[in-house]
Amino acid sequence: MAFFVDMHADALRTTAFGAISGTYAPIGTPFNHPTRLMIAQNYTDVQLTFSFDGIVDHFVLPSGGQLILDVSSDEFQGSGLVISVNTQMSVKGSPTLGNVYISAFYARGS
C-alpha cells in the first residue's frame, strides 16, 4: 500500500513597514503546523534582521532579498526536520516602505 504525503500551504504572513522598528515585531501569527518549507521575503527598502523567537538575531535579508528554508529535503534517521508548531517569526529594522512576507508549507499524509 502506497503512502502519500501532500504539501499544504499555511496562510501567508505579512508585516508592513510601519509596524517594523528597532525592536522585534511579529510577522503574522505563529506557525499552525510543523513547517517543512519556509520562504522569507524582504520587500522593504532596507536590510532587515529576522528571528525565530523574537529575541535572538537569526538571519538578515537585504532589500528585495529572500531566504528559502527547505528543512525537510533530507531525511535524518527516517524523519524529516521541521520548524516547530507555534514558532513566531519576527523582524526588526527601519524601513520606510514595503512589506515582509513569510510563506510556510507543511505535509499531511493521506
N, C-alpha and C. Protein backbone atom coordinates (compact mmCIF):
# COMPACT_ATOMS: atom_id res chain seq x y z
N MET A 1 0.85 -1.19 0.00
CA MET A 1 0.00 0.00 0.00
C MET A 1 0.89 1.25 0.00
N ALA A 2 0.60 2.15 -0.90
CA ALA A 2 1.39 3.38 -1.01
C ALA A 2 0.94 4.40 0.02
N PHE A 3 1.90 5.16 0.50
CA PHE A 3 1.62 6.25 1.44
C PHE A 3 2.06 7.55 0.78
N PHE A 4 1.14 8.47 0.65
CA PHE A 4 1.43 9.75 0.01
C PHE A 4 1.43 10.85 1.05
N VAL A 5 2.30 11.81 0.84
CA VAL A 5 2.34 12.99 1.70
C VAL A 5 2.04 14.18 0.81
N ASP A 6 0.98 14.90 1.13
CA ASP A 6 0.57 16.06 0.36
C ASP A 6 1.13 17.33 0.98
N MET A 7 1.56 18.25 0.12
CA MET A 7 2.01 19.55 0.60
C MET A 7 0.81 20.49 0.71
N HIS A 8 0.78 21.22 1.80
CA HIS A 8 -0.27 22.21 2.03
C HIS A 8 0.37 23.54 2.39
N ALA A 9 -0.24 24.62 1.97
CA ALA A 9 0.26 25.95 2.29
C ALA A 9 -0.49 26.50 3.49
N ASP A 10 0.26 27.03 4.44
CA ASP A 10 -0.33 27.73 5.57
C ASP A 10 -0.66 29.15 5.09
N ALA A 11 -1.42 29.89 5.84
CA ALA A 11 -1.79 31.26 5.46
C ALA A 11 -0.55 32.15 5.34
N LEU A 12 -0.52 33.00 4.32
CA LEU A 12 0.57 33.95 4.14
C LEU A 12 0.62 34.90 5.32
N ARG A 13 1.82 35.15 5.80
CA ARG A 13 2.02 36.09 6.90
C ARG A 13 2.74 37.32 6.36
N THR A 14 2.34 38.51 6.83
CA THR A 14 2.96 39.73 6.35
C THR A 14 3.00 40.78 7.46
N THR A 15 3.95 41.67 7.35
CA THR A 15 4.04 42.83 8.24
C THR A 15 4.47 44.01 7.37
N ALA A 16 3.75 45.12 7.49
CA ALA A 16 4.05 46.32 6.71
C ALA A 16 5.16 47.13 7.37
N PHE A 17 5.82 47.96 6.58
CA PHE A 17 6.97 48.74 7.05
C PHE A 17 6.66 49.56 8.30
N GLY A 18 5.45 50.09 8.43
CA GLY A 18 5.11 50.96 9.56
C GLY A 18 5.10 50.24 10.90
N ALA A 19 4.98 48.91 10.89
CA ALA A 19 4.96 48.13 12.13
C ALA A 19 6.36 47.62 12.49
N ILE A 20 7.36 47.89 11.64
CA ILE A 20 8.71 47.39 11.87
C ILE A 20 9.57 48.51 12.43
N SER A 21 10.28 48.22 13.52
CA SER A 21 11.14 49.22 14.15
C SER A 21 12.43 48.54 14.61
N GLY A 22 13.14 49.19 15.52
CA GLY A 22 14.39 48.66 16.04
C GLY A 22 14.22 47.52 17.03
N THR A 23 12.98 47.21 17.41
CA THR A 23 12.71 46.05 18.26
C THR A 23 11.87 45.06 17.45
N TYR A 24 11.95 43.81 17.83
CA TYR A 24 11.28 42.77 17.04
C TYR A 24 9.76 42.93 17.03
N ALA A 25 9.21 42.83 15.82
CA ALA A 25 7.75 42.84 15.60
C ALA A 25 7.37 41.49 15.01
N PRO A 26 6.25 40.90 15.45
CA PRO A 26 5.83 39.62 14.88
C PRO A 26 5.43 39.77 13.41
N ILE A 27 5.69 38.71 12.66
CA ILE A 27 5.23 38.65 11.26
C ILE A 27 4.04 37.71 11.25
N GLY A 28 2.85 38.27 11.23
CA GLY A 28 1.63 37.45 11.24
C GLY A 28 1.51 36.65 12.52
N THR A 29 0.99 35.44 12.38
CA THR A 29 0.73 34.57 13.52
C THR A 29 1.76 33.44 13.57
N PRO A 30 1.86 32.75 14.72
CA PRO A 30 2.76 31.59 14.80
C PRO A 30 2.34 30.50 13.81
N PHE A 31 3.30 29.63 13.49
CA PHE A 31 3.01 28.52 12.58
C PHE A 31 1.98 27.59 13.20
N ASN A 32 1.01 27.17 12.40
CA ASN A 32 -0.06 26.28 12.85
C ASN A 32 0.28 24.80 12.69
N HIS A 33 1.33 24.51 11.93
CA HIS A 33 1.69 23.13 11.60
C HIS A 33 3.21 23.00 11.65
N PRO A 34 3.73 21.77 11.77
CA PRO A 34 5.17 21.57 11.63
C PRO A 34 5.58 21.98 10.21
N THR A 35 6.38 23.01 10.10
CA THR A 35 6.69 23.61 8.80
C THR A 35 7.91 22.94 8.18
N ARG A 36 7.74 22.49 6.94
CA ARG A 36 8.82 21.80 6.23
C ARG A 36 9.55 22.72 5.25
N LEU A 37 8.86 23.74 4.77
CA LEU A 37 9.44 24.69 3.82
C LEU A 37 8.96 26.08 4.20
N MET A 38 9.89 27.03 4.31
CA MET A 38 9.55 28.40 4.65
C MET A 38 10.26 29.34 3.69
N ILE A 39 9.54 30.36 3.25
CA ILE A 39 10.12 31.39 2.40
C ILE A 39 9.94 32.72 3.12
N ALA A 40 11.06 33.41 3.39
CA ALA A 40 11.03 34.75 3.99
C ALA A 40 11.42 35.74 2.89
N GLN A 41 10.62 36.79 2.72
CA GLN A 41 10.87 37.77 1.67
C GLN A 41 10.87 39.18 2.26
N ASN A 42 11.89 39.95 1.92
CA ASN A 42 12.02 41.32 2.37
C ASN A 42 11.80 42.26 1.19
N TYR A 43 10.59 42.77 1.08
CA TYR A 43 10.29 43.71 0.02
C TYR A 43 10.14 45.12 0.59
N THR A 44 11.04 45.45 1.52
CA THR A 44 11.13 46.83 2.03
C THR A 44 12.34 47.48 1.37
N ASP A 45 12.64 48.71 1.80
CA ASP A 45 13.74 49.47 1.20
C ASP A 45 15.05 49.37 1.98
N VAL A 46 15.14 48.50 3.00
CA VAL A 46 16.37 48.37 3.79
C VAL A 46 16.63 46.91 4.15
N GLN A 47 17.86 46.64 4.57
CA GLN A 47 18.18 45.32 5.11
C GLN A 47 17.46 45.14 6.44
N LEU A 48 16.91 43.95 6.68
CA LEU A 48 16.18 43.65 7.91
C LEU A 48 16.77 42.42 8.59
N THR A 49 16.58 42.34 9.91
CA THR A 49 17.02 41.20 10.71
C THR A 49 15.80 40.39 11.11
N PHE A 50 15.89 39.06 11.00
CA PHE A 50 14.78 38.16 11.30
C PHE A 50 15.13 37.26 12.47
N SER A 51 14.10 36.82 13.18
CA SER A 51 14.28 35.94 14.34
C SER A 51 13.20 34.88 14.37
N PHE A 52 13.59 33.69 14.83
CA PHE A 52 12.62 32.60 15.03
C PHE A 52 11.96 32.69 16.40
N ASP A 53 12.48 33.52 17.31
CA ASP A 53 11.93 33.59 18.67
C ASP A 53 11.68 35.02 19.15
N GLY A 54 11.96 36.03 18.34
CA GLY A 54 11.73 37.42 18.73
C GLY A 54 12.75 37.96 19.71
N ILE A 55 13.81 37.20 19.95
CA ILE A 55 14.84 37.63 20.90
C ILE A 55 16.22 37.62 20.24
N VAL A 56 16.57 36.48 19.67
CA VAL A 56 17.89 36.28 19.09
C VAL A 56 17.87 36.61 17.59
N ASP A 57 18.90 37.33 17.11
CA ASP A 57 19.04 37.58 15.67
C ASP A 57 19.44 36.26 14.99
N HIS A 58 18.67 35.85 13.96
CA HIS A 58 18.97 34.59 13.29
C HIS A 58 19.47 34.76 11.86
N PHE A 59 18.91 35.69 11.10
CA PHE A 59 19.42 35.94 9.75
C PHE A 59 18.99 37.32 9.29
N VAL A 60 19.72 37.84 8.31
CA VAL A 60 19.38 39.14 7.71
C VAL A 60 19.06 38.93 6.25
N LEU A 61 18.22 39.81 5.74
CA LEU A 61 17.90 39.82 4.31
C LEU A 61 18.05 41.24 3.79
N PRO A 62 18.75 41.39 2.67
CA PRO A 62 18.85 42.72 2.07
C PRO A 62 17.50 43.12 1.47
N SER A 63 17.37 44.38 1.17
CA SER A 63 16.17 44.86 0.49
C SER A 63 15.98 44.05 -0.79
N GLY A 64 14.78 43.50 -0.98
CA GLY A 64 14.48 42.70 -2.15
C GLY A 64 14.96 41.26 -2.05
N GLY A 65 15.53 40.88 -0.89
CA GLY A 65 16.08 39.54 -0.73
C GLY A 65 15.06 38.53 -0.23
N GLN A 66 15.41 37.27 -0.39
CA GLN A 66 14.56 36.21 0.15
C GLN A 66 15.42 35.05 0.60
N LEU A 67 14.88 34.26 1.52
CA LEU A 67 15.52 33.07 2.04
C LEU A 67 14.53 31.92 1.93
N ILE A 68 14.98 30.82 1.35
CA ILE A 68 14.15 29.62 1.25
C ILE A 68 14.77 28.56 2.15
N LEU A 69 14.02 28.12 3.15
CA LEU A 69 14.46 27.07 4.06
C LEU A 69 13.66 25.80 3.77
N ASP A 70 14.30 24.84 3.17
CA ASP A 70 13.68 23.54 2.90
C ASP A 70 14.27 22.58 3.92
N VAL A 71 13.76 22.64 5.15
CA VAL A 71 14.39 21.92 6.25
C VAL A 71 14.16 20.42 6.21
N SER A 72 13.22 19.95 5.42
CA SER A 72 12.97 18.51 5.39
C SER A 72 13.36 17.89 4.06
N SER A 73 14.22 18.56 3.28
CA SER A 73 14.61 18.00 1.99
C SER A 73 15.45 16.74 2.16
N ASP A 74 16.14 16.63 3.28
CA ASP A 74 16.92 15.43 3.57
C ASP A 74 16.34 14.75 4.79
N GLU A 75 16.25 13.45 4.71
CA GLU A 75 15.76 12.67 5.85
C GLU A 75 16.89 12.47 6.85
N PHE A 76 16.55 12.46 8.12
CA PHE A 76 17.51 12.18 9.18
C PHE A 76 16.95 11.05 10.02
N GLN A 77 17.56 9.91 9.96
CA GLN A 77 17.13 8.73 10.70
C GLN A 77 15.64 8.45 10.48
N GLY A 78 15.21 8.57 9.21
CA GLY A 78 13.83 8.24 8.87
C GLY A 78 12.83 9.35 9.09
N SER A 79 13.27 10.50 9.58
CA SER A 79 12.35 11.60 9.85
C SER A 79 12.89 12.89 9.24
N GLY A 80 12.01 13.66 8.62
CA GLY A 80 12.41 14.96 8.11
C GLY A 80 12.41 15.99 9.23
N LEU A 81 13.32 16.94 9.13
CA LEU A 81 13.33 18.04 10.10
C LEU A 81 12.14 18.96 9.81
N VAL A 82 11.68 19.68 10.82
CA VAL A 82 10.60 20.65 10.66
C VAL A 82 10.88 21.87 11.54
N ILE A 83 10.24 22.97 11.20
CA ILE A 83 10.20 24.14 12.08
C ILE A 83 8.98 23.94 12.97
N SER A 84 9.15 24.05 14.26
CA SER A 84 8.11 23.67 15.23
C SER A 84 6.82 24.46 15.11
N VAL A 85 5.73 23.79 15.45
CA VAL A 85 4.43 24.45 15.61
C VAL A 85 4.60 25.57 16.65
N ASN A 86 3.91 26.66 16.46
CA ASN A 86 3.92 27.83 17.33
C ASN A 86 5.19 28.67 17.24
N THR A 87 6.07 28.38 16.28
CA THR A 87 7.20 29.27 16.04
C THR A 87 6.66 30.59 15.53
N GLN A 88 7.11 31.68 16.15
CA GLN A 88 6.66 33.02 15.76
C GLN A 88 7.82 33.76 15.10
N MET A 89 7.74 33.96 13.80
CA MET A 89 8.77 34.71 13.10
C MET A 89 8.61 36.19 13.42
N SER A 90 9.75 36.88 13.57
CA SER A 90 9.75 38.30 13.90
C SER A 90 10.80 39.01 13.06
N VAL A 91 10.65 40.34 12.98
CA VAL A 91 11.54 41.15 12.14
C VAL A 91 11.83 42.48 12.83
N LYS A 92 13.03 43.04 12.56
CA LYS A 92 13.35 44.37 13.05
C LYS A 92 14.20 45.11 12.03
N GLY A 93 14.15 46.44 12.10
CA GLY A 93 14.89 47.30 11.18
C GLY A 93 14.20 48.65 11.11
N SER A 94 14.54 49.43 10.11
CA SER A 94 13.96 50.78 9.97
C SER A 94 13.54 51.08 8.54
N PRO A 95 12.61 50.29 7.99
CA PRO A 95 12.18 50.56 6.61
C PRO A 95 11.24 51.76 6.53
N THR A 96 11.17 52.35 5.34
CA THR A 96 10.25 53.47 5.12
C THR A 96 9.17 53.13 4.08
N LEU A 97 9.26 51.94 3.51
CA LEU A 97 8.19 51.49 2.61
C LEU A 97 8.31 49.99 2.41
N GLY A 98 7.22 49.39 1.97
CA GLY A 98 7.20 47.97 1.64
C GLY A 98 6.71 47.06 2.76
N ASN A 99 6.82 45.75 2.52
CA ASN A 99 6.33 44.71 3.43
C ASN A 99 7.34 43.57 3.50
N VAL A 100 7.21 42.76 4.55
CA VAL A 100 7.91 41.48 4.62
C VAL A 100 6.85 40.38 4.59
N TYR A 101 7.25 39.23 4.08
CA TYR A 101 6.32 38.11 3.94
C TYR A 101 6.97 36.83 4.41
N ILE A 102 6.17 35.97 5.02
CA ILE A 102 6.58 34.62 5.36
C ILE A 102 5.56 33.67 4.76
N SER A 103 6.03 32.74 3.93
CA SER A 103 5.20 31.67 3.39
C SER A 103 5.64 30.38 4.05
N ALA A 104 4.70 29.57 4.49
CA ALA A 104 5.02 28.31 5.19
C ALA A 104 4.25 27.17 4.56
N PHE A 105 4.92 26.03 4.43
CA PHE A 105 4.33 24.85 3.82
C PHE A 105 4.55 23.65 4.72
N TYR A 106 3.56 22.79 4.79
CA TYR A 106 3.62 21.62 5.66
C TYR A 106 3.11 20.40 4.92
N ALA A 107 3.34 19.23 5.48
CA ALA A 107 2.93 17.98 4.84
C ALA A 107 1.82 17.33 5.64
N ARG A 108 0.96 16.65 4.90
CA ARG A 108 -0.11 15.89 5.54
C ARG A 108 -0.24 14.57 4.80
N GLY A 109 -0.14 13.47 5.51
CA GLY A 109 -0.23 12.16 4.88
C GLY A 109 -1.65 11.82 4.48
N SER A 110 -1.75 10.97 3.46
CA SER A 110 -3.08 10.52 3.02
C SER A 110 -2.98 9.08 2.54
